[in-house]
């Protein structure tokens, strides 16, 4: 799918840049009121279709209550480290 999309964009750019190639696709390519995918791409139109109106309905969400967490007793920080020592002797 990605290769197809990349090829389509490349082909539209090629046809938009070369009026001769664009005219080879259809005879009315040189007319002022001509509209096709190549002319829309050349003019920078990304979405020629009318935009759809999206409606969202709000939903009621219930949130469960959570019991408070009991604090855990921990040892004092002095017990976390090994006992202090002096530098090694020579």
N, C-alpha and C. Protein backbone atom coordinates (compact mmCIF):
# COMPACT_ATOMS: atom_id res chain seq x y z
N UNK A 1 0.82 -1.18 0.00
CA UNK A 1 0.00 0.00 0.00
C UNK A 1 0.88 1.25 0.00
N UNK A 2 1.95 1.23 0.79
CA UNK A 2 2.84 2.39 0.84
C UNK A 2 3.52 2.61 -0.51
N UNK A 3 3.91 1.53 -1.17
CA UNK A 3 4.54 1.66 -2.48
C UNK A 3 3.54 2.22 -3.50
N UNK A 4 2.29 1.79 -3.42
CA UNK A 4 1.27 2.30 -4.33
C UNK A 4 1.05 3.80 -4.11
N UNK A 5 0.97 4.22 -2.85
CA UNK A 5 0.77 5.65 -2.55
C UNK A 5 1.97 6.47 -3.01
N UNK A 6 3.17 5.97 -2.77
CA UNK A 6 4.37 6.68 -3.20
C UNK A 6 4.43 6.79 -4.72
N UNK A 7 4.08 5.72 -5.41
CA UNK A 7 4.07 5.73 -6.87
C UNK A 7 3.01 6.70 -7.40
N UNK A 8 1.86 6.76 -6.75
CA UNK A 8 0.80 7.68 -7.17
C UNK A 8 1.24 9.13 -7.02
N UNK A 9 1.85 9.48 -5.90
CA UNK A 9 2.33 10.84 -5.69
C UNK A 9 3.42 11.18 -6.69
N UNK A 10 4.32 10.24 -6.95
CA UNK A 10 5.39 10.47 -7.92
C UNK A 10 4.81 10.69 -9.31
N UNK A 11 3.83 9.87 -9.71
CA UNK A 11 3.21 9.98 -11.02
C UNK A 11 2.42 11.29 -11.15
N UNK A 12 1.71 11.69 -10.11
CA UNK A 12 0.99 12.97 -10.15
C UNK A 12 1.96 14.13 -10.29
N UNK A 13 3.07 14.08 -9.57
CA UNK A 13 4.09 15.13 -9.70
C UNK A 13 4.71 15.17 -11.08
N UNK A 14 4.93 14.01 -11.66
CA UNK A 14 5.49 13.93 -13.01
C UNK A 14 4.51 14.51 -14.03
N UNK A 15 3.25 14.15 -13.93
CA UNK A 15 2.24 14.64 -14.87
C UNK A 15 1.95 16.13 -14.64
N UNK A 16 2.01 16.59 -13.40
CA UNK A 16 1.77 18.01 -13.13
C UNK A 16 2.92 18.86 -13.64
N UNK A 17 4.11 18.33 -13.67
CA UNK A 17 5.27 19.08 -14.13
C UNK A 17 5.44 19.08 -15.64
N UNK A 18 4.80 18.16 -16.32
CA UNK A 18 4.94 18.06 -17.77
C UNK A 18 3.57 18.16 -18.44
N UNK A 19 3.24 19.32 -19.02
CA UNK A 19 1.94 19.46 -19.69
C UNK A 19 1.78 18.50 -20.87
N UNK A 20 2.89 18.14 -21.53
CA UNK A 20 2.80 17.21 -22.67
C UNK A 20 2.35 15.83 -22.21
N UNK A 21 2.91 15.36 -21.10
CA UNK A 21 2.49 14.06 -20.57
C UNK A 21 1.04 14.11 -20.10
N UNK A 22 0.65 15.21 -19.48
CA UNK A 22 -0.72 15.36 -19.02
C UNK A 22 -1.68 15.38 -20.20
N UNK A 23 -1.30 16.06 -21.29
CA UNK A 23 -2.15 16.11 -22.49
C UNK A 23 -2.24 14.74 -23.17
N UNK A 24 -1.22 13.89 -22.95
CA UNK A 24 -1.28 12.56 -23.56
C UNK A 24 -2.33 11.68 -22.88
N UNK A 25 -2.73 12.03 -21.65
CA UNK A 25 -3.76 11.24 -20.96
C UNK A 25 -5.15 11.54 -21.49
N UNK A 26 -5.46 12.84 -21.70
CA UNK A 26 -6.77 13.22 -22.21
C UNK A 26 -6.67 14.52 -22.99
N UNK A 27 -7.57 14.70 -23.95
CA UNK A 27 -7.46 15.81 -24.90
C UNK A 27 -7.76 17.16 -24.29
N UNK A 28 -8.63 17.25 -23.31
CA UNK A 28 -9.02 18.55 -22.77
C UNK A 28 -8.11 19.01 -21.63
N UNK A 29 -6.92 18.48 -21.53
CA UNK A 29 -6.00 18.82 -20.44
C UNK A 29 -5.55 20.28 -20.51
N UNK A 30 -5.53 20.88 -21.70
CA UNK A 30 -5.07 22.25 -21.84
C UNK A 30 -6.14 23.30 -21.60
N UNK A 31 -7.40 22.91 -21.43
CA UNK A 31 -8.47 23.88 -21.24
C UNK A 31 -8.42 24.48 -19.84
N UNK A 32 -8.93 25.71 -19.72
CA UNK A 32 -8.86 26.43 -18.44
C UNK A 32 -9.79 25.82 -17.39
N UNK A 33 -10.93 25.29 -17.81
CA UNK A 33 -11.88 24.73 -16.84
C UNK A 33 -11.70 23.23 -16.62
N UNK A 34 -10.58 22.70 -17.07
CA UNK A 34 -10.31 21.27 -16.91
C UNK A 34 -9.94 20.97 -15.46
N UNK A 35 -10.56 19.95 -14.91
CA UNK A 35 -10.27 19.53 -13.54
C UNK A 35 -10.08 18.02 -13.51
N UNK A 36 -8.93 17.61 -13.00
CA UNK A 36 -8.67 16.18 -12.80
C UNK A 36 -7.69 16.07 -11.63
N UNK A 37 -7.28 14.87 -11.31
CA UNK A 37 -6.39 14.66 -10.17
C UNK A 37 -5.05 15.37 -10.39
N UNK A 38 -4.58 15.43 -11.63
CA UNK A 38 -3.30 16.07 -11.91
C UNK A 38 -3.40 17.58 -11.69
N UNK A 39 -4.45 18.21 -12.17
CA UNK A 39 -4.58 19.66 -11.99
C UNK A 39 -4.83 20.00 -10.52
N UNK A 40 -5.59 19.17 -9.81
CA UNK A 40 -5.79 19.41 -8.39
C UNK A 40 -4.48 19.27 -7.62
N UNK A 41 -3.68 18.29 -7.98
CA UNK A 41 -2.37 18.12 -7.34
C UNK A 41 -1.46 19.31 -7.66
N UNK A 42 -1.52 19.78 -8.89
CA UNK A 42 -0.71 20.91 -9.32
C UNK A 42 -1.10 22.20 -8.59
N UNK A 43 -2.38 22.34 -8.26
CA UNK A 43 -2.87 23.54 -7.58
C UNK A 43 -2.73 23.42 -6.06
N UNK A 44 -2.34 22.26 -5.58
CA UNK A 44 -2.15 22.08 -4.14
C UNK A 44 -3.41 21.72 -3.39
N UNK A 45 -4.43 21.27 -4.08
CA UNK A 45 -5.67 20.87 -3.41
C UNK A 45 -5.46 19.48 -2.83
N UNK A 46 -5.63 19.35 -1.53
CA UNK A 46 -5.40 18.06 -0.88
C UNK A 46 -6.68 17.26 -0.70
N UNK A 47 -7.80 17.94 -0.47
CA UNK A 47 -9.05 17.25 -0.22
C UNK A 47 -10.17 17.95 -0.98
N UNK A 48 -10.42 17.56 -2.23
CA UNK A 48 -11.46 18.23 -3.00
C UNK A 48 -12.87 17.85 -2.57
N UNK A 49 -13.04 16.77 -1.83
CA UNK A 49 -14.36 16.34 -1.40
C UNK A 49 -14.85 17.23 -0.26
N UNK A 50 -16.16 17.43 -0.18
CA UNK A 50 -16.68 18.22 0.94
C UNK A 50 -16.42 17.50 2.26
N UNK A 51 -16.15 18.27 3.27
CA UNK A 51 -15.84 17.65 4.55
C UNK A 51 -17.11 17.13 5.22
N UNK A 52 -16.98 16.03 5.87
CA UNK A 52 -18.11 15.42 6.56
C UNK A 52 -18.25 16.03 7.95
N UNK A 53 -19.46 16.15 8.40
CA UNK A 53 -19.72 16.66 9.73
C UNK A 53 -19.75 15.47 10.69
N UNK A 54 -18.92 15.53 11.68
CA UNK A 54 -18.85 14.44 12.65
C UNK A 54 -19.55 14.87 13.93
N UNK A 55 -20.47 14.07 14.37
CA UNK A 55 -21.18 14.34 15.61
C UNK A 55 -20.79 13.30 16.64
N UNK A 56 -20.52 13.75 17.82
CA UNK A 56 -20.21 12.81 18.89
C UNK A 56 -21.25 12.97 19.99
N UNK A 57 -21.62 11.85 20.54
CA UNK A 57 -22.59 11.84 21.63
C UNK A 57 -21.84 11.62 22.93
N UNK A 58 -21.99 12.52 23.89
CA UNK A 58 -21.27 12.32 25.15
C UNK A 58 -21.75 11.06 25.86
N UNK A 59 -20.82 10.36 26.45
CA UNK A 59 -21.15 9.14 27.17
C UNK A 59 -20.82 9.33 28.65
N UNK A 60 -21.64 8.72 29.48
CA UNK A 60 -21.41 8.79 30.91
C UNK A 60 -20.41 7.70 31.29
N UNK A 61 -19.37 8.10 31.98
CA UNK A 61 -18.33 7.17 32.37
C UNK A 61 -18.31 7.10 33.89
N UNK A 62 -18.36 5.89 34.42
CA UNK A 62 -18.28 5.74 35.86
C UNK A 62 -16.86 5.35 36.23
N UNK A 63 -16.38 5.95 37.29
CA UNK A 63 -15.02 5.68 37.75
C UNK A 63 -15.11 4.92 39.06
N UNK A 64 -14.40 3.82 39.13
CA UNK A 64 -14.42 3.01 40.36
C UNK A 64 -13.59 3.69 41.43
N UNK A 65 -14.01 3.53 42.66
CA UNK A 65 -13.24 4.10 43.76
C UNK A 65 -12.17 3.11 44.18
N UNK A 66 -11.05 3.63 44.58
CA UNK A 66 -9.92 2.81 44.98
C UNK A 66 -9.64 3.06 46.45
N UNK A 67 -9.43 1.99 47.16
CA UNK A 67 -9.13 2.12 48.59
C UNK A 67 -7.76 2.74 48.77
N UNK A 68 -7.58 3.54 49.81
CA UNK A 68 -6.26 4.16 50.01
C UNK A 68 -5.21 3.10 50.34
N UNK A 69 -4.01 3.37 49.92
CA UNK A 69 -2.91 2.43 50.13
C UNK A 69 -2.30 2.68 51.50
N UNK A 70 -2.12 1.60 52.23
CA UNK A 70 -1.51 1.70 53.55
C UNK A 70 -0.03 2.02 53.39
N UNK A 71 0.50 2.96 54.16
CA UNK A 71 1.93 3.24 54.05
C UNK A 71 2.74 2.06 54.57
N UNK A 72 3.79 1.72 53.87
CA UNK A 72 4.64 0.59 54.26
C UNK A 72 5.78 1.11 55.12
N UNK A 73 6.06 0.37 56.16
CA UNK A 73 7.19 0.74 57.01
C UNK A 73 8.47 0.23 56.37
N UNK A 74 9.43 1.09 56.31
CA UNK A 74 10.72 0.69 55.75
C UNK A 74 11.80 0.87 56.79
N UNK A 75 12.91 0.24 56.54
CA UNK A 75 14.04 0.39 57.44
C UNK A 75 14.65 1.76 57.25
N UNK A 76 15.40 2.19 58.21
CA UNK A 76 16.02 3.51 58.10
C UNK A 76 17.10 3.47 57.02
N UNK A 77 17.40 4.60 56.40
CA UNK A 77 18.41 4.63 55.33
C UNK A 77 19.78 4.18 55.78
N UNK A 78 20.10 4.31 57.07
CA UNK A 78 21.44 3.88 57.51
C UNK A 78 21.60 2.37 57.38
N UNK A 79 20.50 1.62 57.38
CA UNK A 79 20.59 0.18 57.24
C UNK A 79 20.65 -0.27 55.77
N UNK A 80 20.44 0.64 54.87
CA UNK A 80 20.47 0.28 53.45
C UNK A 80 21.90 0.14 52.94
N UNK A 81 22.84 0.87 53.51
CA UNK A 81 24.22 0.86 53.05
C UNK A 81 25.06 -0.05 53.93
N UNK A 82 26.16 -0.61 53.37
CA UNK A 82 27.04 -1.43 54.22
C UNK A 82 27.74 -0.54 55.23
N UNK A 83 28.22 -1.11 56.32
CA UNK A 83 28.88 -0.28 57.32
C UNK A 83 30.10 0.43 56.73
N UNK A 84 30.32 1.65 57.24
CA UNK A 84 31.45 2.44 56.71
C UNK A 84 32.78 1.84 57.10
N UNK A 85 33.79 2.00 56.26
CA UNK A 85 35.11 1.47 56.49
C UNK A 85 36.14 2.49 56.07
N UNK A 86 37.33 2.31 56.55
CA UNK A 86 38.44 3.19 56.17
C UNK A 86 39.06 2.71 54.86
N UNK A 87 40.01 3.50 54.34
CA UNK A 87 40.68 3.08 53.11
C UNK A 87 41.56 1.86 53.36
N UNK A 88 41.83 1.13 52.31
CA UNK A 88 42.68 -0.06 52.48
C UNK A 88 44.09 0.33 52.90
N UNK A 89 44.71 -0.50 53.72
CA UNK A 89 46.07 -0.23 54.19
C UNK A 89 47.11 -0.55 53.13
N UNK A 90 48.30 0.06 53.27
CA UNK A 90 49.34 -0.21 52.27
C UNK A 90 50.25 -1.29 52.71
